[in-house]
Every structure is written in C-alpha cells, then in structure tokens.
C-alpha cells in the first residue's frame, strides 16, 4: 500500500505548478517534501505531464529509496543532506530557471535593489559554491550558504537555483519569487545601475512582510 497518500497528491500538484510557472523544461528540476522518517521527491527523468501522486519516490534521510517504482531524482543526495542538517526545512525546490541561472552563470548574487526582494528574502539572494551532481556536495553548499541566512534561495555557481521552505509550497513560492527578482534585476542592469536598498529599509520591509502582510 502506498504510504503518505495525501502528501504525494500535494507534491504532484506542486510539480504541476512548477511547470505552469515556467521554471523548468523537459524533465529538469524537482520538488521534495519532508514526511515522517524521510521525504518524498520527484522521480528521475519522468516528464511532468506523466507525474502522478503514486510516482513520487519515498526516501529516508540518507536518500535511500523506501518506496517507489522509479529511481529518485539525481539531486536526491542534495535534498537529503539539507533535511538532515536543517531540521526547520520541510520542502526543497530545484530549478534551472533562465534569469536566475544567468546570475549563477555570471557568478553573481542577486542584489537587494527592490522592495519585493527585501520582503521575501531579507537581503541579497546569495551565491553558493560550484558543486558536482551525484553526491551530497550540492547539499553541503546549500547548507553552508543558507545556514544563518534569511534568504530561502541560493544560486549554486554555474548550476541553478535551490530554494527551501517550511514545506514544498513555501519553497516553490521562493523559487517563483527568485526568478521574478532575477528577471527584474537583469532588466534594471540593462537600463542603468540599480542601487541596493539601505539596510535599515531592508530590515523594515522584511519585518513587515513576514509579520504583518497577508491574513493574520
């Protein structure tokens, strides 16, 4: 019997939203969701149109497959490392979204030059180290970069975007907002020289958005 049926259904829906947002192409990218004793993650090499709740792969916190008909994402070791070392994280998203990847390729962080960046990320979106896919090297880079950082997104050098959140939906929002920020900043850099917001303004904006904005 397939375990975590509700969580599988939610994760399948999040992958559909990831595709709809235009942050991935073909079979690239993935979302994972922490569950009791491990996490669920997208299978490797499966088209988004073919994903179902049942196709999500259940892994333990070492990345070992516990349940699933498919091999898990090639980024599974990175996700597992994040979950083991950041217990507050309940969801992880990975994309190769174009504008954010442009900054990663240029080895530049996304500067906090817009109020929306201050709201969501609390400052610059940082640049992480270069790491090879296949082991936990990417996960180590994510944790080293984001530990103690307010940003939920990291641009892995010459690779792509990883975002974290309290759950998969929260991490997906961060991925969407990261790409939107990257696009706006890239345009601004073509127009002129955007200036980083003063730190006191960033603090005020971040506090308001995180504690006041929305339905309380």
N, C-alpha and C. Protein backbone atom coordinates (compact mmCIF):
# COMPACT_ATOMS: atom_id res chain seq x y z
N UNK A 1 0.84 -1.20 0.00
CA UNK A 1 0.00 0.00 0.00
C UNK A 1 0.87 1.24 0.00
N UNK A 2 0.57 2.20 -0.88
CA UNK A 2 1.36 3.42 -0.99
C UNK A 2 1.15 4.29 0.25
N UNK A 3 2.24 4.67 0.90
CA UNK A 3 2.16 5.49 2.10
C UNK A 3 2.18 6.97 1.77
N UNK A 4 1.71 7.79 2.72
CA UNK A 4 1.68 9.25 2.59
C UNK A 4 0.89 9.68 1.35
N UNK A 5 -0.31 9.14 1.20
CA UNK A 5 -1.12 9.41 0.01
C UNK A 5 -1.44 10.89 -0.13
N UNK A 6 -1.81 11.55 0.97
CA UNK A 6 -2.16 12.97 0.90
C UNK A 6 -0.95 13.80 0.50
N UNK A 7 0.19 13.51 1.10
CA UNK A 7 1.41 14.26 0.80
C UNK A 7 1.86 14.03 -0.65
N UNK A 8 1.68 12.82 -1.13
CA UNK A 8 2.01 12.52 -2.53
C UNK A 8 1.14 13.34 -3.49
N UNK A 9 -0.14 13.42 -3.18
CA UNK A 9 -1.06 14.18 -4.02
C UNK A 9 -0.68 15.66 -4.03
N UNK A 10 -0.35 16.19 -2.87
CA UNK A 10 0.04 17.59 -2.77
C UNK A 10 1.32 17.85 -3.56
N UNK A 11 2.27 16.91 -3.48
CA UNK A 11 3.54 17.09 -4.18
C UNK A 11 3.36 17.02 -5.69
N UNK A 12 2.49 16.15 -6.15
CA UNK A 12 2.19 16.08 -7.58
C UNK A 12 1.60 17.40 -8.07
N UNK A 13 0.72 18.00 -7.28
CA UNK A 13 0.12 19.28 -7.64
C UNK A 13 1.18 20.39 -7.66
N UNK A 14 2.11 20.35 -6.73
CA UNK A 14 3.17 21.36 -6.71
C UNK A 14 4.05 21.26 -7.94
N UNK A 15 4.32 20.05 -8.40
CA UNK A 15 5.11 19.89 -9.62
C UNK A 15 4.37 20.45 -10.83
N UNK A 16 3.06 20.29 -10.84
CA UNK A 16 2.27 20.88 -11.93
C UNK A 16 2.36 22.41 -11.90
N UNK A 17 2.37 22.98 -10.71
CA UNK A 17 2.50 24.42 -10.57
C UNK A 17 3.90 24.88 -10.97
N UNK A 18 4.91 24.07 -10.64
CA UNK A 18 6.29 24.40 -11.03
C UNK A 18 6.41 24.48 -12.54
N UNK A 19 5.80 23.52 -13.23
CA UNK A 19 5.80 23.51 -14.70
C UNK A 19 5.03 24.71 -15.25
N UNK A 20 3.85 24.96 -14.69
CA UNK A 20 3.00 26.05 -15.15
C UNK A 20 3.69 27.40 -14.98
N UNK A 21 4.51 27.54 -13.94
CA UNK A 21 5.23 28.79 -13.69
C UNK A 21 6.38 29.01 -14.66
N UNK A 22 6.70 28.01 -15.47
CA UNK A 22 7.76 28.14 -16.47
C UNK A 22 9.16 28.09 -15.91
N UNK A 23 9.32 27.48 -14.74
CA UNK A 23 10.65 27.44 -14.10
C UNK A 23 11.47 26.22 -14.50
N UNK A 24 10.85 25.28 -15.23
CA UNK A 24 11.54 24.06 -15.64
C UNK A 24 11.19 23.73 -17.08
N UNK A 25 12.04 22.93 -17.71
CA UNK A 25 11.75 22.39 -19.04
C UNK A 25 12.04 20.90 -19.04
N UNK A 26 11.40 20.20 -19.98
CA UNK A 26 11.58 18.76 -20.17
C UNK A 26 11.39 18.02 -18.85
N UNK A 27 12.42 17.33 -18.34
CA UNK A 27 12.28 16.61 -17.07
C UNK A 27 13.13 17.24 -15.96
N UNK A 28 13.74 18.39 -16.24
CA UNK A 28 14.63 19.01 -15.27
C UNK A 28 13.90 19.59 -14.08
N UNK A 29 14.64 19.77 -12.98
CA UNK A 29 14.08 20.37 -11.78
C UNK A 29 13.32 19.37 -10.93
N UNK A 30 13.04 19.74 -9.71
CA UNK A 30 12.35 18.83 -8.80
C UNK A 30 11.92 19.55 -7.53
N UNK A 31 10.95 18.94 -6.86
CA UNK A 31 10.50 19.40 -5.55
C UNK A 31 10.49 18.19 -4.62
N UNK A 32 10.87 18.42 -3.37
CA UNK A 32 10.74 17.36 -2.36
C UNK A 32 9.96 17.91 -1.17
N UNK A 33 9.37 17.00 -0.42
CA UNK A 33 8.56 17.35 0.74
C UNK A 33 8.93 16.42 1.89
N UNK A 34 9.28 16.99 3.04
CA UNK A 34 9.61 16.18 4.20
C UNK A 34 8.35 15.48 4.71
N UNK A 35 8.50 14.21 5.09
CA UNK A 35 7.44 13.45 5.76
C UNK A 35 8.09 12.72 6.93
N UNK A 36 7.29 12.07 7.74
CA UNK A 36 7.83 11.36 8.90
C UNK A 36 8.85 10.31 8.46
N UNK A 37 10.07 10.44 8.96
CA UNK A 37 11.10 9.46 8.68
C UNK A 37 11.84 9.66 7.38
N UNK A 38 11.53 10.71 6.62
CA UNK A 38 12.22 10.91 5.36
C UNK A 38 11.60 12.00 4.52
N UNK A 39 11.54 11.78 3.19
CA UNK A 39 10.96 12.78 2.30
C UNK A 39 10.51 12.13 1.00
N UNK A 40 9.56 12.79 0.35
CA UNK A 40 9.09 12.40 -0.98
C UNK A 40 9.75 13.29 -2.01
N UNK A 41 10.08 12.74 -3.17
CA UNK A 41 10.76 13.52 -4.20
C UNK A 41 10.35 13.03 -5.60
N UNK A 42 10.48 13.91 -6.56
CA UNK A 42 10.18 13.59 -7.96
C UNK A 42 11.08 12.46 -8.47
N UNK A 43 10.54 11.56 -9.28
CA UNK A 43 11.38 10.53 -9.90
C UNK A 43 12.27 11.13 -10.99
N UNK A 44 13.36 10.49 -11.25
CA UNK A 44 14.32 10.97 -12.24
C UNK A 44 13.84 10.70 -13.66
N UNK A 45 13.97 11.72 -14.53
CA UNK A 45 13.74 11.52 -15.95
C UNK A 45 12.31 11.30 -16.38
N UNK A 46 11.35 11.63 -15.54
CA UNK A 46 9.94 11.46 -15.88
C UNK A 46 9.35 12.81 -16.28
N UNK A 47 8.64 12.83 -17.41
CA UNK A 47 8.03 14.06 -17.89
C UNK A 47 7.00 14.58 -16.88
N UNK A 48 6.89 15.89 -16.79
CA UNK A 48 5.95 16.49 -15.84
C UNK A 48 4.51 16.08 -16.13
N UNK A 49 4.18 15.92 -17.39
CA UNK A 49 2.82 15.52 -17.77
C UNK A 49 2.49 14.10 -17.34
N UNK A 50 3.52 13.32 -17.05
CA UNK A 50 3.32 11.93 -16.65
C UNK A 50 3.38 11.72 -15.14
N UNK A 51 3.67 12.78 -14.39
CA UNK A 51 3.80 12.63 -12.93
C UNK A 51 2.44 12.41 -12.29
N UNK A 52 2.41 11.49 -11.36
CA UNK A 52 1.21 11.23 -10.56
C UNK A 52 1.62 11.19 -9.10
N UNK A 53 0.63 11.17 -8.23
CA UNK A 53 0.92 11.05 -6.80
C UNK A 53 1.70 9.77 -6.52
N UNK A 54 1.32 8.69 -7.21
CA UNK A 54 1.96 7.39 -6.97
C UNK A 54 3.39 7.33 -7.48
N UNK A 55 3.76 8.22 -8.41
CA UNK A 55 5.11 8.16 -8.97
C UNK A 55 6.14 8.85 -8.09
N UNK A 56 5.70 9.59 -7.07
CA UNK A 56 6.65 10.22 -6.16
C UNK A 56 7.39 9.14 -5.36
N UNK A 57 8.69 9.36 -5.16
CA UNK A 57 9.54 8.35 -4.53
C UNK A 57 9.77 8.70 -3.06
N UNK A 58 9.58 7.73 -2.19
CA UNK A 58 9.80 7.93 -0.76
C UNK A 58 11.22 7.50 -0.41
N UNK A 59 11.96 8.42 0.22
CA UNK A 59 13.35 8.15 0.62
C UNK A 59 13.51 8.41 2.11
N UNK A 60 14.50 7.76 2.72
CA UNK A 60 14.83 8.10 4.09
C UNK A 60 15.78 9.28 4.09
N UNK A 61 16.20 9.74 5.26
CA UNK A 61 17.01 10.95 5.34
C UNK A 61 18.45 10.76 4.87
N UNK A 62 18.80 9.53 4.50
CA UNK A 62 20.09 9.28 3.87
C UNK A 62 19.95 9.19 2.35
N UNK A 63 18.72 9.36 1.86
CA UNK A 63 18.49 9.29 0.42
C UNK A 63 18.22 7.90 -0.11
N UNK A 64 18.09 6.91 0.78
CA UNK A 64 17.81 5.54 0.36
C UNK A 64 16.34 5.40 0.04
N UNK A 65 16.04 4.75 -1.08
CA UNK A 65 14.66 4.57 -1.50
C UNK A 65 13.95 3.58 -0.58
N UNK A 66 12.81 4.02 -0.04
CA UNK A 66 11.97 3.17 0.80
C UNK A 66 10.77 2.64 0.04
N UNK A 67 10.29 3.43 -0.92
CA UNK A 67 9.09 3.04 -1.64
C UNK A 67 9.01 3.81 -2.95
N UNK A 68 8.74 3.12 -4.04
CA UNK A 68 8.60 3.80 -5.33
C UNK A 68 8.94 2.89 -6.48
N UNK A 69 8.28 3.11 -7.60
CA UNK A 69 8.50 2.30 -8.79
C UNK A 69 9.62 2.86 -9.67
N UNK A 70 10.04 4.09 -9.37
CA UNK A 70 11.06 4.75 -10.18
C UNK A 70 12.29 5.08 -9.35
N UNK A 71 13.38 5.36 -10.07
CA UNK A 71 14.57 5.88 -9.39
C UNK A 71 14.29 7.33 -9.00
N UNK A 72 14.79 7.77 -7.85
CA UNK A 72 14.55 9.15 -7.43
C UNK A 72 15.40 10.14 -8.22
N UNK A 73 15.09 11.40 -8.09
CA UNK A 73 15.85 12.47 -8.74
C UNK A 73 17.35 12.33 -8.52
N UNK A 74 18.12 12.76 -9.51
CA UNK A 74 19.58 12.74 -9.37
C UNK A 74 20.06 13.70 -8.30
N UNK A 75 19.18 14.59 -7.84
CA UNK A 75 19.52 15.54 -6.78
C UNK A 75 19.13 15.04 -5.39
N UNK A 76 18.74 13.78 -5.30
CA UNK A 76 18.24 13.25 -4.02
C UNK A 76 19.25 13.40 -2.89
N UNK A 77 20.52 13.14 -3.15
CA UNK A 77 21.53 13.25 -2.09
C UNK A 77 21.62 14.68 -1.56
N UNK A 78 21.45 15.66 -2.45
CA UNK A 78 21.48 17.06 -2.02
C UNK A 78 20.29 17.38 -1.12
N UNK A 79 19.11 16.94 -1.52
CA UNK A 79 17.91 17.15 -0.71
C UNK A 79 18.06 16.49 0.66
N UNK A 80 18.55 15.25 0.65
CA UNK A 80 18.71 14.51 1.91
C UNK A 80 19.65 15.24 2.85
N UNK A 81 20.74 15.77 2.31
CA UNK A 81 21.70 16.48 3.16
C UNK A 81 21.06 17.71 3.79
N UNK A 82 20.26 18.43 3.00
CA UNK A 82 19.57 19.61 3.54
C UNK A 82 18.64 19.21 4.68
N UNK A 83 17.85 18.16 4.48
CA UNK A 83 16.91 17.74 5.52
C UNK A 83 17.62 17.27 6.78
N UNK A 84 18.75 16.60 6.62
CA UNK A 84 19.49 16.11 7.79
C UNK A 84 20.09 17.25 8.60
N UNK A 85 20.48 18.31 7.91
CA UNK A 85 21.23 19.37 8.57
C UNK A 85 20.43 20.65 8.83
N UNK A 86 19.23 20.74 8.28
CA UNK A 86 18.37 21.90 8.51
C UNK A 86 16.98 21.40 8.92
N UNK A 87 16.83 21.02 10.18
CA UNK A 87 15.57 20.41 10.62
C UNK A 87 14.35 21.30 10.48
N UNK A 88 14.56 22.61 10.34
CA UNK A 88 13.44 23.53 10.16
C UNK A 88 12.89 23.50 8.74
N UNK A 89 13.61 22.90 7.81
CA UNK A 89 13.21 22.86 6.40
C UNK A 89 12.26 21.70 6.16
N UNK A 90 11.13 21.99 5.51
CA UNK A 90 10.16 20.95 5.19
C UNK A 90 9.96 20.75 3.71
N UNK A 91 10.59 21.60 2.88
CA UNK A 91 10.46 21.46 1.44
C UNK A 91 11.67 22.05 0.73
N UNK A 92 12.05 21.44 -0.39
CA UNK A 92 13.19 21.90 -1.19
C UNK A 92 12.79 21.89 -2.66
N UNK A 93 13.16 22.94 -3.37
CA UNK A 93 12.88 23.04 -4.81
C UNK A 93 14.18 23.30 -5.56
N UNK A 94 14.32 22.68 -6.72
CA UNK A 94 15.48 22.94 -7.58
C UNK A 94 14.99 23.28 -8.98
N UNK A 95 15.49 24.38 -9.54
CA UNK A 95 15.16 24.76 -10.91
C UNK A 95 16.40 25.22 -11.66
N UNK A 96 16.25 25.29 -12.98
CA UNK A 96 17.25 25.91 -13.84
C UNK A 96 16.60 27.11 -14.54
N UNK A 97 15.79 27.85 -13.80
CA UNK A 97 15.06 28.98 -14.39
C UNK A 97 16.03 29.98 -14.99
N UNK A 98 15.67 30.53 -16.15
CA UNK A 98 16.61 31.24 -17.02
C UNK A 98 17.31 32.44 -16.40
N UNK A 99 16.55 33.37 -15.86
CA UNK A 99 17.17 34.60 -15.37
C UNK A 99 18.03 34.35 -14.13
N UNK A 100 17.54 33.54 -13.21
CA UNK A 100 18.33 33.22 -12.03
C UNK A 100 19.59 32.45 -12.43
N UNK A 101 19.46 31.57 -13.41
CA UNK A 101 20.64 30.82 -13.89
C UNK A 101 21.64 31.76 -14.56
N UNK A 102 21.11 32.85 -15.15
CA UNK A 102 22.02 33.84 -15.73
C UNK A 102 22.95 34.42 -14.68
N UNK A 103 22.40 34.73 -13.51
CA UNK A 103 23.23 35.24 -12.41
C UNK A 103 24.18 34.16 -11.91
N UNK A 104 23.69 32.91 -11.83
CA UNK A 104 24.55 31.81 -11.39
C UNK A 104 25.71 31.59 -12.35
N UNK A 105 25.42 31.71 -13.66
CA UNK A 105 26.46 31.53 -14.67
C UNK A 105 27.50 32.65 -14.62
N UNK A 106 27.01 33.86 -14.32
CA UNK A 106 27.92 35.01 -14.21
C UNK A 106 28.60 35.08 -12.85
N UNK A 107 28.24 34.12 -11.97
CA UNK A 107 28.80 34.04 -10.62
C UNK A 107 28.54 35.33 -9.84
N UNK A 108 27.27 35.75 -9.88
CA UNK A 108 26.85 36.96 -9.18
C UNK A 108 25.62 36.68 -8.34
N UNK A 109 25.57 37.23 -7.14
CA UNK A 109 24.36 37.15 -6.34
C UNK A 109 23.35 38.15 -6.90
N UNK A 110 22.09 37.99 -6.51
CA UNK A 110 21.06 38.94 -6.93
C UNK A 110 20.95 40.01 -5.85
N UNK A 111 21.32 41.25 -6.16
CA UNK A 111 21.34 42.29 -5.13
C UNK A 111 19.94 42.72 -4.72
N UNK A 112 19.80 43.15 -3.50
CA UNK A 112 18.50 43.57 -2.97
C UNK A 112 18.25 45.02 -3.37
N UNK A 113 17.76 45.17 -4.60
CA UNK A 113 17.52 46.51 -5.15
C UNK A 113 16.03 46.80 -5.31
N UNK A 114 15.19 45.87 -4.88
CA UNK A 114 13.74 46.03 -4.98
C UNK A 114 13.08 45.68 -3.64
N UNK A 115 11.97 46.34 -3.35
CA UNK A 115 11.28 46.05 -2.10
C UNK A 115 10.81 44.59 -2.06
N UNK A 116 10.44 44.04 -3.20
CA UNK A 116 9.96 42.66 -3.22
C UNK A 116 11.06 41.67 -2.83
N UNK A 117 12.31 41.99 -3.15
CA UNK A 117 13.42 41.14 -2.76
C UNK A 117 13.64 41.24 -1.25
N UNK A 118 13.56 42.45 -0.73
CA UNK A 118 13.68 42.64 0.72
C UNK A 118 12.56 41.90 1.45
N UNK A 119 11.34 42.00 0.92
CA UNK A 119 10.19 41.33 1.53
C UNK A 119 10.41 39.83 1.67
N UNK A 120 10.72 39.20 0.57
CA UNK A 120 10.76 37.74 0.50
C UNK A 120 12.07 37.15 1.01
N UNK A 121 13.20 37.81 0.72
CA UNK A 121 14.49 37.19 1.00
C UNK A 121 15.30 37.90 2.09
N UNK A 122 14.87 39.08 2.50
CA UNK A 122 15.54 39.77 3.60
C UNK A 122 16.92 40.27 3.25
N UNK A 123 17.20 40.44 1.97
CA UNK A 123 18.51 40.92 1.54
C UNK A 123 18.88 40.31 0.20
N UNK A 124 20.17 40.35 -0.12
CA UNK A 124 20.66 39.79 -1.38
C UNK A 124 20.38 38.28 -1.44
N UNK A 125 20.12 37.77 -2.63
CA UNK A 125 20.00 36.33 -2.82
C UNK A 125 21.41 35.81 -3.07
N UNK A 126 21.94 34.99 -2.17
CA UNK A 126 23.36 34.66 -2.20
C UNK A 126 23.78 33.67 -3.28
N UNK A 127 25.07 33.71 -3.56
CA UNK A 127 25.70 32.79 -4.50
C UNK A 127 26.41 31.70 -3.72
N UNK A 128 26.10 30.45 -4.04
CA UNK A 128 26.75 29.31 -3.40
C UNK A 128 27.92 28.80 -4.23
N UNK A 129 28.62 27.80 -3.73
CA UNK A 129 29.80 27.27 -4.43
C UNK A 129 29.43 26.39 -5.61
N UNK A 130 30.40 26.13 -6.47
CA UNK A 130 30.21 25.16 -7.54
C UNK A 130 30.30 23.77 -6.93
N UNK A 131 29.41 22.88 -7.35
CA UNK A 131 29.43 21.51 -6.83
C UNK A 131 28.91 20.57 -7.91
N UNK A 132 29.45 19.36 -7.91
CA UNK A 132 29.09 18.35 -8.89
C UNK A 132 27.86 17.57 -8.44
N UNK A 133 26.97 17.26 -9.39
CA UNK A 133 25.77 16.47 -9.11
C UNK A 133 26.16 15.01 -8.85
N UNK A 134 25.44 14.36 -7.94
CA UNK A 134 25.62 12.93 -7.76
C UNK A 134 25.86 12.52 -6.32
N UNK A 135 26.50 13.39 -5.54
CA UNK A 135 26.68 13.10 -4.12
C UNK A 135 26.10 14.24 -3.31
N UNK A 136 26.52 14.40 -2.06
CA UNK A 136 25.93 15.44 -1.23
C UNK A 136 26.66 16.78 -1.31
N UNK A 137 27.54 16.94 -2.31
CA UNK A 137 28.31 18.19 -2.44
C UNK A 137 27.40 19.40 -2.60
N UNK A 138 26.37 19.26 -3.41
CA UNK A 138 25.43 20.38 -3.60
C UNK A 138 24.72 20.69 -2.29
N UNK A 139 24.28 19.64 -1.61
CA UNK A 139 23.62 19.84 -0.33
C UNK A 139 24.51 20.57 0.67
N UNK A 140 25.77 20.20 0.69
CA UNK A 140 26.71 20.88 1.59
C UNK A 140 26.82 22.36 1.25
N UNK A 141 26.86 22.66 -0.04
CA UNK A 141 26.95 24.05 -0.47
C UNK A 141 25.71 24.84 -0.11
N UNK A 142 24.55 24.22 -0.24
CA UNK A 142 23.30 24.88 0.13
C UNK A 142 23.28 25.21 1.62
N UNK A 143 23.60 24.22 2.43
CA UNK A 143 23.57 24.41 3.88
C UNK A 143 24.60 25.44 4.32
N UNK A 144 25.80 25.34 3.79
CA UNK A 144 26.86 26.29 4.16
C UNK A 144 26.47 27.73 3.81
N UNK A 145 25.79 27.89 2.70
CA UNK A 145 25.42 29.23 2.24
C UNK A 145 24.22 29.79 2.99
N UNK A 146 23.21 28.94 3.24
CA UNK A 146 21.96 29.43 3.81
C UNK A 146 21.87 29.33 5.33
N UNK A 147 22.75 28.57 5.95
CA UNK A 147 22.72 28.45 7.41
C UNK A 147 22.91 29.83 8.04
N UNK A 148 21.94 30.26 8.82
CA UNK A 148 22.02 31.56 9.45
C UNK A 148 21.67 32.72 8.53
N UNK A 149 21.24 32.41 7.31
CA UNK A 149 20.89 33.43 6.31
C UNK A 149 19.38 33.53 6.22
N UNK A 150 18.85 34.72 5.96
CA UNK A 150 17.40 34.87 5.86
C UNK A 150 16.85 34.46 4.50
N UNK A 151 17.70 34.40 3.49
CA UNK A 151 17.24 34.03 2.16
C UNK A 151 16.79 32.58 2.13
N UNK A 152 15.70 32.32 1.41
CA UNK A 152 15.24 30.96 1.19
C UNK A 152 15.75 30.42 -0.14
N UNK A 153 16.56 31.21 -0.84
CA UNK A 153 17.07 30.81 -2.14
C UNK A 153 18.58 30.96 -2.19
N UNK A 154 19.21 30.07 -2.93
CA UNK A 154 20.64 30.16 -3.18
C UNK A 154 20.87 29.85 -4.66
N UNK A 155 21.76 30.64 -5.28
CA UNK A 155 22.17 30.39 -6.65
C UNK A 155 23.45 29.56 -6.60
N UNK A 156 23.35 28.30 -6.96
CA UNK A 156 24.55 27.47 -6.96
C UNK A 156 25.38 27.81 -8.20
N UNK A 157 26.60 28.17 -7.97
CA UNK A 157 27.50 28.69 -9.00
C UNK A 157 27.53 27.82 -10.25
N UNK A 158 27.24 28.45 -11.39
CA UNK A 158 27.26 27.79 -12.70
C UNK A 158 26.37 26.54 -12.77
N UNK A 159 25.26 26.59 -12.01
CA UNK A 159 24.35 25.44 -11.99
C UNK A 159 22.90 25.91 -12.03
N UNK A 160 22.36 26.31 -10.90
CA UNK A 160 20.96 26.68 -10.87
C UNK A 160 20.50 27.11 -9.50
N UNK A 161 19.20 27.06 -9.29
CA UNK A 161 18.58 27.59 -8.08
C UNK A 161 18.12 26.45 -7.17
N UNK A 162 18.37 26.61 -5.88
CA UNK A 162 17.77 25.75 -4.87
C UNK A 162 17.08 26.65 -3.86
N UNK A 163 15.85 26.29 -3.50
CA UNK A 163 15.13 27.05 -2.50
C UNK A 163 14.63 26.13 -1.40
N UNK A 164 14.45 26.70 -0.22
CA UNK A 164 13.97 25.93 0.93
C UNK A 164 12.73 26.61 1.50
N UNK A 165 11.96 25.88 2.29
CA UNK A 165 10.79 26.46 2.92
C UNK A 165 10.27 25.55 4.02
N UNK A 166 9.25 26.02 4.71
CA UNK A 166 8.66 25.22 5.78
C UNK A 166 7.95 24.00 5.23
N UNK A 167 7.60 24.05 3.94
CA UNK A 167 7.03 22.91 3.22
C UNK A 167 7.29 23.11 1.74
N UNK A 168 6.81 22.18 0.92
CA UNK A 168 7.06 22.28 -0.51
C UNK A 168 6.47 23.52 -1.14
N UNK A 169 5.26 23.89 -0.72
CA UNK A 169 4.62 25.08 -1.28
C UNK A 169 5.40 26.33 -0.96
N UNK A 170 5.91 26.44 0.26
CA UNK A 170 6.70 27.60 0.67
C UNK A 170 7.99 27.69 -0.13
N UNK A 171 8.62 26.54 -0.36
CA UNK A 171 9.86 26.52 -1.16
C UNK A 171 9.57 26.86 -2.62
N UNK A 172 8.41 26.42 -3.13
CA UNK A 172 8.04 26.75 -4.51
C UNK A 172 7.81 28.25 -4.66
N UNK A 173 7.14 28.85 -3.68
CA UNK A 173 6.94 30.30 -3.73
C UNK A 173 8.29 31.01 -3.82
N UNK A 174 9.26 30.57 -3.03
CA UNK A 174 10.59 31.19 -3.04
C UNK A 174 11.25 31.06 -4.41
N UNK A 175 11.04 29.91 -5.07
CA UNK A 175 11.62 29.70 -6.40
C UNK A 175 10.98 30.63 -7.43
N UNK A 176 9.66 30.79 -7.34
CA UNK A 176 8.95 31.69 -8.25
C UNK A 176 9.40 33.13 -8.03
N UNK A 177 9.50 33.54 -6.78
CA UNK A 177 9.91 34.91 -6.45
C UNK A 177 11.37 35.16 -6.81
N UNK A 178 12.21 34.15 -6.69
CA UNK A 178 13.62 34.29 -7.05
C UNK A 178 13.77 34.56 -8.54
N UNK A 179 13.04 33.82 -9.36
CA UNK A 179 13.13 34.03 -10.81
C UNK A 179 12.57 35.40 -11.20
N UNK A 180 11.48 35.81 -10.55
CA UNK A 180 10.90 37.11 -10.84
C UNK A 180 11.88 38.22 -10.48
N UNK A 181 12.55 38.07 -9.33
CA UNK A 181 13.54 39.06 -8.91
C UNK A 181 14.71 39.10 -9.89
N UNK A 182 15.19 37.93 -10.30
CA UNK A 182 16.32 37.86 -11.22
C UNK A 182 15.99 38.54 -12.55
N UNK A 183 14.78 38.33 -13.03
CA UNK A 183 14.36 38.94 -14.30
C UNK A 183 14.33 40.46 -14.18
N UNK A 184 13.72 40.97 -13.11
CA UNK A 184 13.63 42.42 -12.93
C UNK A 184 15.00 43.06 -12.77
N UNK A 185 15.87 42.42 -11.99
CA UNK A 185 17.20 42.98 -11.77
C UNK A 185 18.02 42.93 -13.06
N UNK A 186 17.90 41.87 -13.83
CA UNK A 186 18.62 41.77 -15.11
C UNK A 186 18.19 42.89 -16.05
N UNK A 187 16.90 43.19 -16.08
CA UNK A 187 16.41 44.30 -16.91
C UNK A 187 16.94 45.63 -16.39
N UNK A 188 16.91 45.80 -15.08
CA UNK A 188 17.39 47.05 -14.48
C UNK A 188 18.86 47.28 -14.80
N UNK A 189 19.64 46.21 -14.83
CA UNK A 189 21.07 46.33 -15.12
C UNK A 189 21.32 46.74 -16.57
N UNK A 190 20.37 46.44 -17.45
CA UNK A 190 20.50 46.89 -18.83
C UNK A 190 20.13 48.36 -18.98
N UNK A 191 19.25 48.82 -18.11
CA UNK A 191 18.78 50.21 -18.17
C UNK A 191 19.76 51.16 -17.50
N UNK A 192 20.33 50.72 -16.40
CA UNK A 192 21.23 51.59 -15.64
C UNK A 192 21.97 50.82 -14.58
N UNK A 193 22.24 51.46 -13.45
CA UNK A 193 22.97 50.83 -12.35
C UNK A 193 22.08 50.85 -11.11
N UNK A 194 21.32 49.78 -10.90
CA UNK A 194 20.42 49.74 -9.74
C UNK A 194 21.21 49.79 -8.43
N UNK A 195 20.67 50.50 -7.47
CA UNK A 195 21.33 50.66 -6.17
C UNK A 195 20.66 49.78 -5.12
N UNK A 196 21.47 49.15 -4.31
CA UNK A 196 20.95 48.31 -3.23
C UNK A 196 20.19 49.17 -2.23
N UNK A 197 19.09 48.65 -1.73
CA UNK A 197 18.32 49.35 -0.72
C UNK A 197 19.14 49.53 0.56
N UNK A 198 18.97 50.64 1.27
CA UNK A 198 19.66 50.80 2.56
C UNK A 198 19.27 49.68 3.51
N UNK A 199 20.21 49.24 4.33
CA UNK A 199 19.96 48.10 5.21
C UNK A 199 18.78 48.33 6.15
N UNK A 200 18.62 49.56 6.64
CA UNK A 200 17.51 49.81 7.56
C UNK A 200 16.16 49.66 6.85
N UNK A 201 16.10 49.99 5.55
CA UNK A 201 14.88 49.81 4.79
C UNK A 201 14.60 48.31 4.56
N UNK A 202 15.67 47.56 4.29
CA UNK A 202 15.53 46.12 4.12
C UNK A 202 14.97 45.48 5.38
N UNK A 203 15.50 45.89 6.53
CA UNK A 203 15.04 45.34 7.81
C UNK A 203 13.56 45.64 8.03
N UNK A 204 13.16 46.86 7.76
CA UNK A 204 11.78 47.27 7.96
C UNK A 204 10.83 46.53 7.01
N UNK A 205 11.22 46.43 5.75
CA UNK A 205 10.39 45.75 4.76
C UNK A 205 10.25 44.26 5.07
N UNK A 206 11.34 43.62 5.42
CA UNK A 206 11.32 42.19 5.72
C UNK A 206 10.43 41.91 6.94
N UNK A 207 10.57 42.74 7.97
CA UNK A 207 9.78 42.56 9.19
C UNK A 207 8.29 42.71 8.90
N UNK A 208 7.93 43.74 8.13
CA UNK A 208 6.53 43.97 7.81
C UNK A 208 5.95 42.81 7.01
N UNK A 209 6.67 42.37 5.99
CA UNK A 209 6.16 41.33 5.11
C UNK A 209 6.02 39.99 5.84
N UNK A 210 6.99 39.69 6.69
CA UNK A 210 6.98 38.41 7.38
C UNK A 210 6.00 38.38 8.54
N UNK A 211 5.71 39.53 9.14
CA UNK A 211 4.92 39.55 10.38
C UNK A 211 3.57 40.24 10.28
N UNK A 212 3.35 41.05 9.24
CA UNK A 212 2.12 41.84 9.16
C UNK A 212 1.33 41.54 7.90
N UNK A 213 2.01 41.39 6.78
CA UNK A 213 1.36 41.22 5.47
C UNK A 213 0.49 39.97 5.42
N UNK A 214 -0.62 40.05 4.72
CA UNK A 214 -1.47 38.90 4.50
C UNK A 214 -2.54 38.72 5.56
N UNK A 215 -3.14 37.54 5.57
CA UNK A 215 -4.21 37.22 6.52
C UNK A 215 -3.62 36.71 7.81
N UNK A 216 -3.83 37.45 8.89
CA UNK A 216 -3.29 37.08 10.19
C UNK A 216 -4.32 36.33 11.01
